Amino acid sequence: MPEEQLFKTEATQTRREIADTLVAVAEEIKSGTVTLGGMDEPVEASIPADPTFEVELERLTDSETGEERYELEYEIRWRRTPTTSTETEAE
């Protein structure tokens, strides 16, 4: 399945700033619509009632330096089924 990246952001922030962002996004998830990005080109996603939710904590170790890096990821997944011509006609 080809992947198309619709939005990505990465920035160093304080724990408090991250927590505030997660709280705001949690409210949007509850409402069913999440808006990402700024005023210039916002990207909107409609979240279905029962998506799949995954939490992952990874430890990555650099094979040369032994330096460890951690990643905490929250992922929400769902499928969008294309509408067929009969479904479109019924509307």
C-alpha atoms as a PDB file:
ATOM      1  CA  MET A   1       0.000   0.000   0.000  1.00  0.00           C
ATOM      2  CA  PRO A   2       1.632   3.317  -0.990  1.00  0.00           C
ATOM      3  CA  GLU A   3       2.075   5.839   1.787  1.00  0.00           C
ATOM      4  CA  GLU A   4       1.313   9.539   1.435  1.00  0.00           C
ATOM      5  CA  GLN A   5       2.436  11.762   4.290  1.00  0.00           C
ATOM      6  CA  LEU A   6      -0.275  14.370   4.833  1.00  0.00           C
ATOM      7  CA  PHE A   7       1.296  16.167   7.805  1.00  0.00           C
ATOM      8  CA  LYS A   8       4.413  16.021   9.954  1.00  0.00           C
ATOM      9  CA  THR A   9       5.943  18.262  12.563  1.00  0.00           C
ATOM     10  CA  GLU A  10       8.896  17.837  14.883  1.00  0.00           C
ATOM     11  CA  ALA A  11      10.225  20.315  17.433  1.00  0.00           C
ATOM     12  CA  THR A  12      11.952  20.343  20.793  1.00  0.00           C
ATOM     13  CA  GLN A  13       9.415  21.295  23.475  1.00  0.00           C
ATOM     14  CA  THR A  14       9.109  21.175  27.232  1.00  0.00           C
ATOM     15  CA  ARG A  15       7.155  18.326  28.847  1.00  0.00           C
ATOM     16  CA  ARG A  16       4.464  20.853  29.762  1.00  0.00           C
ATOM     17  CA  GLU A  17       4.120  22.081  26.159  1.00  0.00           C
ATOM     18  CA  ILE A  18       3.850  18.484  24.938  1.00  0.00           C
ATOM     19  CA  ALA A  19       1.251  17.661  27.596  1.00  0.00           C
ATOM     20  CA  ASP A  20      -0.787  20.766  26.697  1.00  0.00           C
ATOM     21  CA  THR A  21      -0.734  19.739  23.022  1.00  0.00           C
ATOM     22  CA  LEU A  22      -1.835  16.187  23.872  1.00  0.00           C
ATOM     23  CA  VAL A  23      -4.713  17.497  26.019  1.00  0.00           C
ATOM     24  CA  ALA A  24      -5.894  19.740  23.168  1.00  0.00           C
ATOM     25  CA  VAL A  25      -5.665  16.885  20.657  1.00  0.00           C
ATOM     26  CA  ALA A  26      -7.532  14.575  23.059  1.00  0.00           C
ATOM     27  CA  GLU A  27     -10.465  17.009  23.025  1.00  0.00           C
ATOM     28  CA  GLU A  28     -10.439  17.055  19.224  1.00  0.00           C
ATOM     29  CA  ILE A  29     -10.358  13.238  19.109  1.00  0.00           C
ATOM     30  CA  LYS A  30     -13.405  13.146  21.408  1.00  0.00           C
ATOM     31  CA  SER A  31     -15.237  15.468  19.014  1.00  0.00           C
ATOM     32  CA  GLY A  32     -14.356  13.235  16.038  1.00  0.00           C
ATOM     33  CA  THR A  33     -12.308  15.744  14.017  1.00  0.00           C
ATOM     34  CA  VAL A  34      -8.622  16.597  14.412  1.00  0.00           C
ATOM     35  CA  THR A  35      -7.086  19.638  12.733  1.00  0.00           C
ATOM     36  CA  LEU A  36      -3.308  19.619  12.229  1.00  0.00           C
ATOM     37  CA  GLY A  37      -1.085  22.471  11.144  1.00  0.00           C
ATOM     38  CA  GLY A  38      -1.425  26.207  11.275  1.00  0.00           C
ATOM     39  CA  MET A  39      -3.783  28.669   9.676  1.00  0.00           C
ATOM     40  CA  ASP A  40      -1.921  28.545   6.329  1.00  0.00           C
ATOM     41  CA  GLU A  41      -2.637  24.956   5.307  1.00  0.00           C
ATOM     42  CA  PRO A  42      -4.560  23.050   7.969  1.00  0.00           C
ATOM     43  CA  VAL A  43      -5.109  19.313   7.480  1.00  0.00           C
ATOM     44  CA  GLU A  44      -8.306  17.870   8.918  1.00  0.00           C
ATOM     45  CA  ALA A  45      -8.935  14.218   9.766  1.00  0.00           C
ATOM     46  CA  SER A  46     -12.253  12.659  10.756  1.00  0.00           C
ATOM     47  CA  ILE A  47     -11.715   9.979  13.393  1.00  0.00           C
ATOM     48  CA  PRO A  48     -14.267   7.137  13.395  1.00  0.00           C
ATOM     49  CA  ALA A  49     -15.966   5.974  16.588  1.00  0.00           C
ATOM     50  CA  ASP A  50     -13.840   2.807  16.972  1.00  0.00           C
ATOM     51  CA  PRO A  51     -10.310   3.221  15.546  1.00  0.00           C
ATOM     52  CA  THR A  52      -7.319   1.100  16.578  1.00  0.00           C
ATOM     53  CA  PHE A  53      -5.098   2.740  19.216  1.00  0.00           C
ATOM     54  CA  GLU A  54      -1.466   1.677  19.663  1.00  0.00           C
ATOM     55  CA  VAL A  55       1.094   2.827  22.228  1.00  0.00           C
ATOM     56  CA  GLU A  56       4.731   1.935  21.680  1.00  0.00           C
ATOM     57  CA  LEU A  57       7.908   2.674  23.671  1.00  0.00           C
ATOM     58  CA  GLU A  58      11.136   1.867  21.832  1.00  0.00           C
ATOM     59  CA  ARG A  59      14.785   1.939  22.870  1.00  0.00           C
ATOM     60  CA  LEU A  60      17.185   2.404  19.964  1.00  0.00           C
ATOM     61  CA  THR A  61      20.882   1.810  20.621  1.00  0.00           C
ATOM     62  CA  ASP A  62      23.574   3.190  18.307  1.00  0.00           C
ATOM     63  CA  SER A  63      25.794   0.235  17.359  1.00  0.00           C
ATOM     64  CA  GLU A  64      28.942   2.390  17.231  1.00  0.00           C
ATOM     65  CA  THR A  65      28.587   4.707  20.225  1.00  0.00           C
ATOM     66  CA  GLY A  66      26.217   2.721  22.437  1.00  0.00           C
ATOM     67  CA  GLU A  67      24.099   5.860  22.833  1.00  0.00           C
ATOM     68  CA  GLU A  68      20.479   5.069  23.625  1.00  0.00           C
ATOM     69  CA  ARG A  69      17.509   6.983  22.220  1.00  0.00           C
ATOM     70  CA  TYR A  70      13.913   6.436  23.277  1.00  0.00           C
ATOM     71  CA  GLU A  71      10.733   6.958  21.296  1.00  0.00           C
ATOM     72  CA  LEU A  72       7.240   7.038  22.779  1.00  0.00           C
ATOM     73  CA  GLU A  73       4.627   6.817  20.044  1.00  0.00           C
ATOM     74  CA  TYR A  74       0.854   7.098  20.162  1.00  0.00           C
ATOM     75  CA  GLU A  75      -0.834   5.949  16.969  1.00  0.00           C
ATOM     76  CA  ILE A  76      -4.481   5.918  15.936  1.00  0.00           C
ATOM     77  CA  ARG A  77      -5.337   3.832  12.850  1.00  0.00           C
ATOM     78  CA  TRP A  78      -8.484   3.325  10.819  1.00  0.00           C
ATOM     79  CA  ARG A  79      -9.510   2.385   7.317  1.00  0.00           C
ATOM     80  CA  ARG A  80     -11.504   4.497   4.959  1.00  0.00           C
ATOM     81  CA  THR A  81     -13.407   2.442   2.424  1.00  0.00           C
ATOM     82  CA  PRO A  82     -13.987   4.026  -0.957  1.00  0.00           C
ATOM     83  CA  THR A  83     -17.660   4.526  -1.750  1.00  0.00           C
ATOM     84  CA  THR A  84     -19.079   2.489  -4.581  1.00  0.00           C
ATOM     85  CA  SER A  85     -21.361   3.886  -7.266  1.00  0.00           C
ATOM     86  CA  THR A  86     -24.426   2.205  -5.685  1.00  0.00           C
ATOM     87  CA  GLU A  87     -23.667   3.822  -2.306  1.00  0.00           C
ATOM     88  CA  THR A  88     -23.271   7.222  -3.975  1.00  0.00           C
ATOM     89  CA  GLU A  89     -26.540   6.805  -5.899  1.00  0.00           C
ATOM     90  CA  ALA A  90     -28.417   5.871  -2.717  1.00  0.00           C
ATOM     91  CA  GLU A  91     -27.471   9.165  -1.021  1.00  0.00           C
END
